[in-house]
PDB file of N, CA and C in Angstrom:
ATOM      1  N   MET A   1    -156.421 -49.284-111.663  1.00  0.00           N
ATOM      2  CA  MET A   1    -155.755 -50.244-110.769  1.00  0.00           C
ATOM      3  C   MET A   1    -154.536 -50.854-111.474  1.00  0.00           C
ATOM      4  N   ASP A   2    -154.640 -51.048-112.783  1.00  0.00           N
ATOM      5  CA  ASP A   2    -153.518 -51.636-113.524  1.00  0.00           C
ATOM      6  C   ASP A   2    -152.301 -50.714-113.433  1.00  0.00           C
ATOM      7  N   SER A   3    -152.538 -49.399-113.568  1.00  0.00           N
ATOM      8  CA  SER A   3    -151.415 -48.454-113.528  1.00  0.00           C
ATOM      9  C   SER A   3    -150.726 -48.522-112.168  1.00  0.00           C
ATOM     10  N   GLN A   4    -151.510 -48.584-111.096  1.00  0.00           N
ATOM     11  CA  GLN A   4    -150.919 -48.656-109.751  1.00  0.00           C
ATOM     12  C   GLN A   4    -150.089 -49.923-109.618  1.00  0.00           C
ATOM     13  N   TYR A   5    -150.597 -51.034-110.149  1.00  0.00           N
ATOM     14  CA  TYR A   5    -149.875 -52.305-110.044  1.00  0.00           C
ATOM     15  C   TYR A   5    -148.560 -52.220-110.807  1.00  0.00           C
ATOM     16  N   ASP A   6    -148.586 -51.560-111.966  1.00  0.00           N
ATOM     17  CA  ASP A   6    -147.356 -51.402-112.763  1.00  0.00           C
ATOM     18  C   ASP A   6    -146.336 -50.592-111.967  1.00  0.00           C
ATOM     19  N   VAL A   7    -146.795 -49.537-111.301  1.00  0.00           N
ATOM     20  CA  VAL A   7    -145.886 -48.686-110.517  1.00  0.00           C
ATOM     21  C   VAL A   7    -145.235 -49.514-109.419  1.00  0.00           C
ATOM     22  N   ILE A   8    -146.019 -50.375-108.760  1.00  0.00           N
ATOM     23  CA  ILE A   8    -145.480 -51.215-107.680  1.00  0.00           C
ATOM     24  C   ILE A   8    -144.417 -52.153-108.242  1.00  0.00           C
ATOM     25  N   ILE A   9    -144.692 -52.752-109.394  1.00  0.00           N
ATOM     26  CA  ILE A   9    -143.734 -53.688-110.007  1.00  0.00           C
ATOM     27  C   ILE A   9    -142.454 -52.939-110.378  1.00  0.00           C
ATOM     28  N   ILE A  10    -142.609 -51.763-111.005  1.00  0.00           N
ATOM     29  CA  ILE A  10    -141.438 -50.974-111.414  1.00  0.00           C
ATOM     30  C   ILE A  10    -140.653 -50.550-110.175  1.00  0.00           C
ATOM     31  N   GLY A  11    -141.358 -50.080-109.149  1.00  0.00           N
ATOM     32  CA  GLY A  11    -140.691 -49.647-107.915  1.00  0.00           C
ATOM     33  C   GLY A  11    -139.919 -50.807-107.297  1.00  0.00           C
ATOM     34  N   GLY A  12    -140.532 -51.999-107.278  1.00  0.00           N
ATOM     35  CA  GLY A  12    -139.853 -53.169-106.716  1.00  0.00           C
ATOM     36  C   GLY A  12    -138.617 -53.507-107.520  1.00  0.00           C
ATOM     37  N   GLY A  13    -138.710 -53.390-108.844  1.00  0.00           N
ATOM     38  CA  GLY A  13    -137.563 -53.708-109.700  1.00  0.00           C
ATOM     39  C   GLY A  13    -136.416 -52.749-109.426  1.00  0.00           C
ATOM     40  N   ILE A  14    -136.747 -51.460-109.293  1.00  0.00           N
ATOM     41  CA  ILE A  14    -135.700 -50.463-109.017  1.00  0.00           C
ATOM     42  C   ILE A  14    -135.078 -50.742-107.652  1.00  0.00           C
ATOM     43  N   ALA A  15    -135.907 -51.048-106.657  1.00  0.00           N
ATOM     44  CA  ALA A  15    -135.401 -51.336-105.309  1.00  0.00           C
ATOM     45  C   ALA A  15    -134.484 -52.544-105.347  1.00  0.00           C
ATOM     46  N   GLY A  16    -134.853 -53.550-106.123  1.00  0.00           N
ATOM     47  CA  GLY A  16    -134.031 -54.766-106.229  1.00  0.00           C
ATOM     48  C   GLY A  16    -132.687 -54.450-106.862  1.00  0.00           C
ATOM     49  N   LEU A  17    -132.693 -53.624-107.908  1.00  0.00           N
ATOM     50  CA  LEU A  17    -131.426 -53.277-108.580  1.00  0.00           C
ATOM     51  C   LEU A  17    -130.529 -52.482-107.636  1.00  0.00           C
ATOM     52  N   THR A  18    -131.095 -51.492-106.955  1.00  0.00           N
ATOM     53  CA  THR A  18    -130.299 -50.665-106.037  1.00  0.00           C
ATOM     54  C   THR A  18    -129.763 -51.516-104.899  1.00  0.00           C
ATOM     55  N   SER A  19    -130.589 -52.383-104.327  1.00  0.00           N
ATOM     56  CA  SER A  19    -130.141 -53.237-103.217  1.00  0.00           C
ATOM     57  C   SER A  19    -129.026 -54.157-103.693  1.00  0.00           C
ATOM     58  N   ALA A  20    -129.136 -54.682-104.911  1.00  0.00           N
ATOM     59  CA  ALA A  20    -128.102 -55.574-105.450  1.00  0.00           C
ATOM     60  C   ALA A  20    -126.794 -54.800-105.595  1.00  0.00           C
ATOM     61  N   LEU A  21    -126.868 -53.549-106.061  1.00  0.00           N
ATOM     62  CA  LEU A  21    -125.646 -52.745-106.217  1.00  0.00           C
ATOM     63  C   LEU A  21    -125.019 -52.491-104.852  1.00  0.00           C
ATOM     64  N   TYR A  22    -125.845 -52.194-103.846  1.00  0.00           N
ATOM     65  CA  TYR A  22    -125.319 -51.940-102.504  1.00  0.00           C
ATOM     66  C   TYR A  22    -124.636 -53.194-101.974  1.00  0.00           C
ATOM     67  N   CYS A  23    -125.245 -54.356-102.207  1.00  0.00           N
ATOM     68  CA  CYS A  23    -124.662 -55.617-101.734  1.00  0.00           C
ATOM     69  C   CYS A  23    -123.300 -55.823-102.390  1.00  0.00           C
ATOM     70  N   GLU A  24    -123.201 -55.557-103.691  1.00  0.00           N
ATOM     71  CA  GLU A  24    -121.927 -55.740-104.402  1.00  0.00           C
ATOM     72  C   GLU A  24    -120.887 -54.762-103.849  1.00  0.00           C
ATOM     73  N   ASP A  25    -121.315 -53.529-103.566  1.00  0.00           N
ATOM     74  CA  ASP A  25    -120.374 -52.533-103.038  1.00  0.00           C
ATOM     75  C   ASP A  25    -119.864 -52.982-101.672  1.00  0.00           C
ATOM     76  N   ARG A  26    -120.748 -53.516-100.825  1.00  0.00           N
ATOM     77  CA  ARG A  26    -120.342 -53.959 -99.485  1.00  0.00           C
ATOM     78  C   ARG A  26    -119.341 -55.094 -99.604  1.00  0.00           C
ATOM     79  N   ILE A  27    -119.567 -55.983-100.569  1.00  0.00           N
ATOM     80  CA  ILE A  27    -118.651 -57.123-100.729  1.00  0.00           C
ATOM     81  C   ILE A  27    -117.332 -56.606-101.313  1.00  0.00           C
TER      82      ILE A  27
END
């Protein structure tokens, strides 16, 4: 279960970074 939780955290972090880059590109 710990490994799955780590994957979710990592996935969320990557999604946050990509979304932030997209927001900067739009601006």
